[in-house]
């Protein structure tokens, strides 16, 4: 059984589990982007800026601690547009 070990960047060994994690994380980033858009449309600019800062912090940790190690171990799962997704979608307009 694989394990998440941040210190040595050990990641899930099981390809099926890795694919499921990748798919769920990509879905999560889509949902975070949708949340960001909803806040932008319904809240003040100050609230939106604070929300995006918080989401960026969360997304950055997920990318560096989960996604990058996962894709290093399972490069076939890495989306072709990886440099244009994830927390990079959550930017201030």
C-alpha atoms as a PDB file:
ATOM      1  CA  UNK A   1       0.000   0.000   0.000  1.00  0.00           C
ATOM      2  CA  UNK A   2       1.348   3.440  -0.920  1.00  0.00           C
ATOM      3  CA  UNK A   3       1.601   6.323   1.492  1.00  0.00           C
ATOM      4  CA  UNK A   4       1.862  10.073   1.378  1.00  0.00           C
ATOM      5  CA  UNK A   5       5.238  11.029   2.795  1.00  0.00           C
ATOM      6  CA  UNK A   6       5.989  14.661   2.249  1.00  0.00           C
ATOM      7  CA  UNK A   7       9.625  14.459   3.339  1.00  0.00           C
ATOM      8  CA  UNK A   8      10.671  12.068   0.587  1.00  0.00           C
ATOM      9  CA  UNK A   9       7.785  12.791  -1.769  1.00  0.00           C
ATOM     10  CA  UNK A  10       6.647   9.163  -1.707  1.00  0.00           C
ATOM     11  CA  UNK A  11       3.270   8.962  -3.363  1.00  0.00           C
ATOM     12  CA  UNK A  12       0.534   6.432  -4.025  1.00  0.00           C
ATOM     13  CA  UNK A  13       1.894   3.415  -5.880  1.00  0.00           C
ATOM     14  CA  UNK A  14      -1.406   1.957  -7.053  1.00  0.00           C
ATOM     15  CA  UNK A  15      -2.168   3.319 -10.572  1.00  0.00           C
ATOM     16  CA  UNK A  16      -5.948   2.995 -10.142  1.00  0.00           C
ATOM     17  CA  UNK A  17      -5.865   4.865  -6.836  1.00  0.00           C
ATOM     18  CA  UNK A  18      -3.574   7.505  -8.358  1.00  0.00           C
ATOM     19  CA  UNK A  19      -6.016   8.051 -11.240  1.00  0.00           C
ATOM     20  CA  UNK A  20      -8.935   8.367  -8.841  1.00  0.00           C
ATOM     21  CA  UNK A  21      -7.009  10.892  -6.731  1.00  0.00           C
ATOM     22  CA  UNK A  22      -6.024  12.861  -9.836  1.00  0.00           C
ATOM     23  CA  UNK A  23      -9.605  12.935 -11.117  1.00  0.00           C
ATOM     24  CA  UNK A  24     -10.983  14.002  -7.734  1.00  0.00           C
ATOM     25  CA  UNK A  25      -8.358  16.730  -7.325  1.00  0.00           C
ATOM     26  CA  UNK A  26      -9.061  18.087 -10.829  1.00  0.00           C
ATOM     27  CA  UNK A  27     -12.763  18.148  -9.976  1.00  0.00           C
ATOM     28  CA  UNK A  28     -11.961  19.950  -6.733  1.00  0.00           C
ATOM     29  CA  UNK A  29     -10.009  22.645  -8.608  1.00  0.00           C
ATOM     30  CA  UNK A  30     -12.947  23.112 -10.992  1.00  0.00           C
ATOM     31  CA  UNK A  31     -15.272  23.521  -8.008  1.00  0.00           C
ATOM     32  CA  UNK A  32     -12.905  25.984  -6.316  1.00  0.00           C
ATOM     33  CA  UNK A  33     -12.861  28.024  -9.495  1.00  0.00           C
ATOM     34  CA  UNK A  34     -16.665  27.985  -9.601  1.00  0.00           C
ATOM     35  CA  UNK A  35     -16.772  29.066  -5.949  1.00  0.00           C
ATOM     36  CA  UNK A  36     -14.413  31.902  -6.724  1.00  0.00           C
ATOM     37  CA  UNK A  37     -16.635  33.056  -9.572  1.00  0.00           C
ATOM     38  CA  UNK A  38     -19.718  32.930  -7.330  1.00  0.00           C
ATOM     39  CA  UNK A  39     -17.997  35.040  -4.686  1.00  0.00           C
ATOM     40  CA  UNK A  40     -16.860  37.505  -7.347  1.00  0.00           C
ATOM     41  CA  UNK A  41     -20.419  37.872  -8.655  1.00  0.00           C
ATOM     42  CA  UNK A  42     -22.195  38.067  -5.305  1.00  0.00           C
ATOM     43  CA  UNK A  43     -19.798  39.688  -2.856  1.00  0.00           C
ATOM     44  CA  UNK A  44     -17.755  42.824  -2.466  1.00  0.00           C
ATOM     45  CA  UNK A  45     -14.350  43.165  -4.132  1.00  0.00           C
ATOM     46  CA  UNK A  46     -12.749  43.008  -0.692  1.00  0.00           C
ATOM     47  CA  UNK A  47     -14.519  39.748   0.145  1.00  0.00           C
ATOM     48  CA  UNK A  48     -13.568  38.327  -3.237  1.00  0.00           C
ATOM     49  CA  UNK A  49      -9.901  39.248  -2.776  1.00  0.00           C
ATOM     50  CA  UNK A  50      -9.825  37.659   0.680  1.00  0.00           C
ATOM     51  CA  UNK A  51     -11.536  34.531  -0.619  1.00  0.00           C
ATOM     52  CA  UNK A  52      -9.108  34.144  -3.515  1.00  0.00           C
ATOM     53  CA  UNK A  53      -6.109  34.598  -1.190  1.00  0.00           C
ATOM     54  CA  UNK A  54      -7.402  31.818   1.041  1.00  0.00           C
ATOM     55  CA  UNK A  55      -8.146  29.492  -1.869  1.00  0.00           C
ATOM     56  CA  UNK A  56      -4.716  30.150  -3.381  1.00  0.00           C
ATOM     57  CA  UNK A  57      -3.042  29.064  -0.152  1.00  0.00           C
ATOM     58  CA  UNK A  58      -5.030  25.839  -0.096  1.00  0.00           C
ATOM     59  CA  UNK A  59      -4.540  25.111  -3.788  1.00  0.00           C
ATOM     60  CA  UNK A  60      -0.823  25.821  -3.671  1.00  0.00           C
ATOM     61  CA  UNK A  61      -0.322  23.256  -0.913  1.00  0.00           C
ATOM     62  CA  UNK A  62      -2.353  20.646  -2.764  1.00  0.00           C
ATOM     63  CA  UNK A  63      -0.391  21.204  -5.966  1.00  0.00           C
ATOM     64  CA  UNK A  64       3.040  21.067  -4.346  1.00  0.00           C
ATOM     65  CA  UNK A  65       2.351  18.369  -1.745  1.00  0.00           C
ATOM     66  CA  UNK A  66      -0.080  16.089  -3.609  1.00  0.00           C
ATOM     67  CA  UNK A  67      -0.402  16.723  -7.333  1.00  0.00           C
ATOM     68  CA  UNK A  68       3.209  17.286  -8.348  1.00  0.00           C
ATOM     69  CA  UNK A  69       4.480  14.199  -6.465  1.00  0.00           C
ATOM     70  CA  UNK A  70       1.558  12.157  -7.818  1.00  0.00           C
ATOM     71  CA  UNK A  71       2.313  13.213 -11.389  1.00  0.00           C
ATOM     72  CA  UNK A  72       6.035  12.633 -10.892  1.00  0.00           C
ATOM     73  CA  UNK A  73       5.260   9.033  -9.962  1.00  0.00           C
ATOM     74  CA  UNK A  74       2.475   8.621 -12.565  1.00  0.00           C
ATOM     75  CA  UNK A  75       3.380  10.982 -15.442  1.00  0.00           C
ATOM     76  CA  UNK A  76       0.733   9.464 -17.718  1.00  0.00           C
ATOM     77  CA  UNK A  77      -1.908  11.080 -15.472  1.00  0.00           C
ATOM     78  CA  UNK A  78      -0.499  14.595 -15.768  1.00  0.00           C
ATOM     79  CA  UNK A  79      -2.871  16.724 -17.860  1.00  0.00           C
ATOM     80  CA  UNK A  80      -1.404  18.277 -21.003  1.00  0.00           C
ATOM     81  CA  UNK A  81      -2.509  21.716 -19.751  1.00  0.00           C
ATOM     82  CA  UNK A  82      -1.150  21.209 -16.219  1.00  0.00           C
ATOM     83  CA  UNK A  83       0.698  24.546 -16.302  1.00  0.00           C
ATOM     84  CA  UNK A  84      -2.629  26.322 -16.950  1.00  0.00           C
ATOM     85  CA  UNK A  85      -4.856  24.714 -14.343  1.00  0.00           C
ATOM     86  CA  UNK A  86      -5.006  24.078 -10.630  1.00  0.00           C
ATOM     87  CA  UNK A  87      -4.433  27.089  -8.438  1.00  0.00           C
ATOM     88  CA  UNK A  88      -3.359  29.122 -11.445  1.00  0.00           C
ATOM     89  CA  UNK A  89      -7.068  29.398 -12.405  1.00  0.00           C
ATOM     90  CA  UNK A  90      -7.689  31.203  -9.136  1.00  0.00           C
ATOM     91  CA  UNK A  91      -6.231  34.598  -9.890  1.00  0.00           C
ATOM     92  CA  UNK A  92      -7.448  38.073  -9.198  1.00  0.00           C
ATOM     93  CA  UNK A  93      -9.242  39.742 -12.091  1.00  0.00           C
END
